[in-house]
Amino acid sequence: METVKGTIRNLPLEGNIWVLESDDGISYQLQDAPPGILVEGKKVTLRGEILRDVMGIGMAGPMFKVNG
């Protein structure tokens, strides 16, 4: 389980891709994110798992499976 701080961003690709732009400059494509956090520009701290061997349809960066 990892914790990542950053900003929620929406990319208007393939039906809207939601990403977390981390404070350390890495963009993660979000998986299983609760709808309440999917707000453009929202600052968040998320706990979850970085799926380094999985790529989403948006190819916006590594997948981050949100657990909390």
C-alpha atoms as a PDB file:
ATOM      1  CA  MET A   1       0.000   0.000   0.000  1.00  0.00           C
ATOM      2  CA  GLU A   2       1.350   3.400  -0.973  1.00  0.00           C
ATOM      3  CA  THR A   3       0.282   6.956  -0.225  1.00  0.00           C
ATOM      4  CA  VAL A   4       0.401   9.598  -2.960  1.00  0.00           C
ATOM      5  CA  LYS A   5      -0.369  13.319  -2.610  1.00  0.00           C
ATOM      6  CA  GLY A   6      -1.335  15.404  -5.590  1.00  0.00           C
ATOM      7  CA  THR A   7      -3.989  17.056  -7.721  1.00  0.00           C
ATOM      8  CA  ILE A   8      -6.892  15.421  -9.547  1.00  0.00           C
ATOM      9  CA  ARG A   9      -6.960  16.171 -13.279  1.00  0.00           C
ATOM     10  CA  ASN A  10      -9.405  15.246 -16.042  1.00  0.00           C
ATOM     11  CA  LEU A  11      -8.092  14.440 -19.497  1.00  0.00           C
ATOM     12  CA  PRO A  12     -10.795  14.617 -22.174  1.00  0.00           C
ATOM     13  CA  LEU A  13      -9.651  11.403 -23.875  1.00  0.00           C
ATOM     14  CA  GLU A  14     -11.645   8.252 -24.546  1.00  0.00           C
ATOM     15  CA  GLY A  15     -14.631   9.305 -22.433  1.00  0.00           C
ATOM     16  CA  ASN A  16     -12.656  11.255 -19.817  1.00  0.00           C
ATOM     17  CA  ILE A  17      -9.603   9.882 -18.085  1.00  0.00           C
ATOM     18  CA  TRP A  18      -9.044  10.851 -14.450  1.00  0.00           C
ATOM     19  CA  VAL A  19      -5.461  11.147 -13.290  1.00  0.00           C
ATOM     20  CA  LEU A  20      -3.612  12.103 -10.146  1.00  0.00           C
ATOM     21  CA  GLU A  21      -0.715  14.478 -10.808  1.00  0.00           C
ATOM     22  CA  SER A  22       1.468  13.691  -7.831  1.00  0.00           C
ATOM     23  CA  ASP A  23       3.410  16.352  -5.965  1.00  0.00           C
ATOM     24  CA  ASP A  24       6.620  14.647  -7.149  1.00  0.00           C
ATOM     25  CA  GLY A  25       5.673  15.077 -10.839  1.00  0.00           C
ATOM     26  CA  ILE A  26       4.345  11.627 -11.754  1.00  0.00           C
ATOM     27  CA  SER A  27       0.901  11.268 -13.333  1.00  0.00           C
ATOM     28  CA  TYR A  28      -1.109   8.190 -12.351  1.00  0.00           C
ATOM     29  CA  GLN A  29      -4.248   7.047 -14.140  1.00  0.00           C
ATOM     30  CA  LEU A  30      -6.849   6.351 -11.442  1.00  0.00           C
ATOM     31  CA  GLN A  31      -8.618   3.024 -11.042  1.00  0.00           C
ATOM     32  CA  ASP A  32     -11.539   2.461  -8.632  1.00  0.00           C
ATOM     33  CA  ALA A  33     -11.520   6.084  -7.454  1.00  0.00           C
ATOM     34  CA  PRO A  34     -14.616   7.058  -5.468  1.00  0.00           C
ATOM     35  CA  PRO A  35     -16.726   9.557  -7.470  1.00  0.00           C
ATOM     36  CA  GLY A  36     -16.500  12.153  -4.686  1.00  0.00           C
ATOM     37  CA  ILE A  37     -12.815  12.799  -5.356  1.00  0.00           C
ATOM     38  CA  LEU A  38     -13.144  13.170  -9.125  1.00  0.00           C
ATOM     39  CA  VAL A  39     -13.137  16.961  -9.154  1.00  0.00           C
ATOM     40  CA  GLU A  40     -10.769  18.860 -11.452  1.00  0.00           C
ATOM     41  CA  GLY A  41      -8.053  20.591  -9.415  1.00  0.00           C
ATOM     42  CA  LYS A  42      -8.918  18.912  -6.102  1.00  0.00           C
ATOM     43  CA  LYS A  43      -5.924  18.348  -3.801  1.00  0.00           C
ATOM     44  CA  VAL A  44      -5.946  14.839  -2.337  1.00  0.00           C
ATOM     45  CA  THR A  45      -3.935  12.251  -0.473  1.00  0.00           C
ATOM     46  CA  LEU A  46      -4.750   8.760  -1.702  1.00  0.00           C
ATOM     47  CA  ARG A  47      -3.813   5.326  -0.442  1.00  0.00           C
ATOM     48  CA  GLY A  48      -3.621   2.463  -2.868  1.00  0.00           C
ATOM     49  CA  GLU A  49      -1.466   0.326  -5.063  1.00  0.00           C
ATOM     50  CA  ILE A  50       0.621   1.418  -8.037  1.00  0.00           C
ATOM     51  CA  LEU A  51       0.076  -1.170 -10.771  1.00  0.00           C
ATOM     52  CA  ARG A  52       3.366  -0.832 -12.621  1.00  0.00           C
ATOM     53  CA  ASP A  53       2.660  -3.675 -15.038  1.00  0.00           C
ATOM     54  CA  VAL A  54      -0.785  -2.398 -16.148  1.00  0.00           C
ATOM     55  CA  MET A  55      -1.551   0.365 -18.657  1.00  0.00           C
ATOM     56  CA  GLY A  56      -4.974   1.929 -19.093  1.00  0.00           C
ATOM     57  CA  ILE A  57      -6.604   2.899 -22.377  1.00  0.00           C
ATOM     58  CA  GLY A  58      -5.597   6.548 -21.886  1.00  0.00           C
ATOM     59  CA  MET A  59      -1.900   5.670 -21.441  1.00  0.00           C
ATOM     60  CA  ALA A  60      -1.675   8.613 -19.036  1.00  0.00           C
ATOM     61  CA  GLY A  61       0.869   6.922 -16.759  1.00  0.00           C
ATOM     62  CA  PRO A  62       0.961   3.984 -14.377  1.00  0.00           C
ATOM     63  CA  MET A  63      -2.373   2.858 -12.960  1.00  0.00           C
ATOM     64  CA  PHE A  64      -3.097   3.713  -9.334  1.00  0.00           C
ATOM     65  CA  LYS A  65      -5.718   1.453  -7.777  1.00  0.00           C
ATOM     66  CA  VAL A  66      -7.331   3.562  -5.064  1.00  0.00           C
ATOM     67  CA  ASN A  67      -8.016   1.883  -1.730  1.00  0.00           C
ATOM     68  CA  GLY A  68      -8.741   4.941   0.379  1.00  0.00           C
END
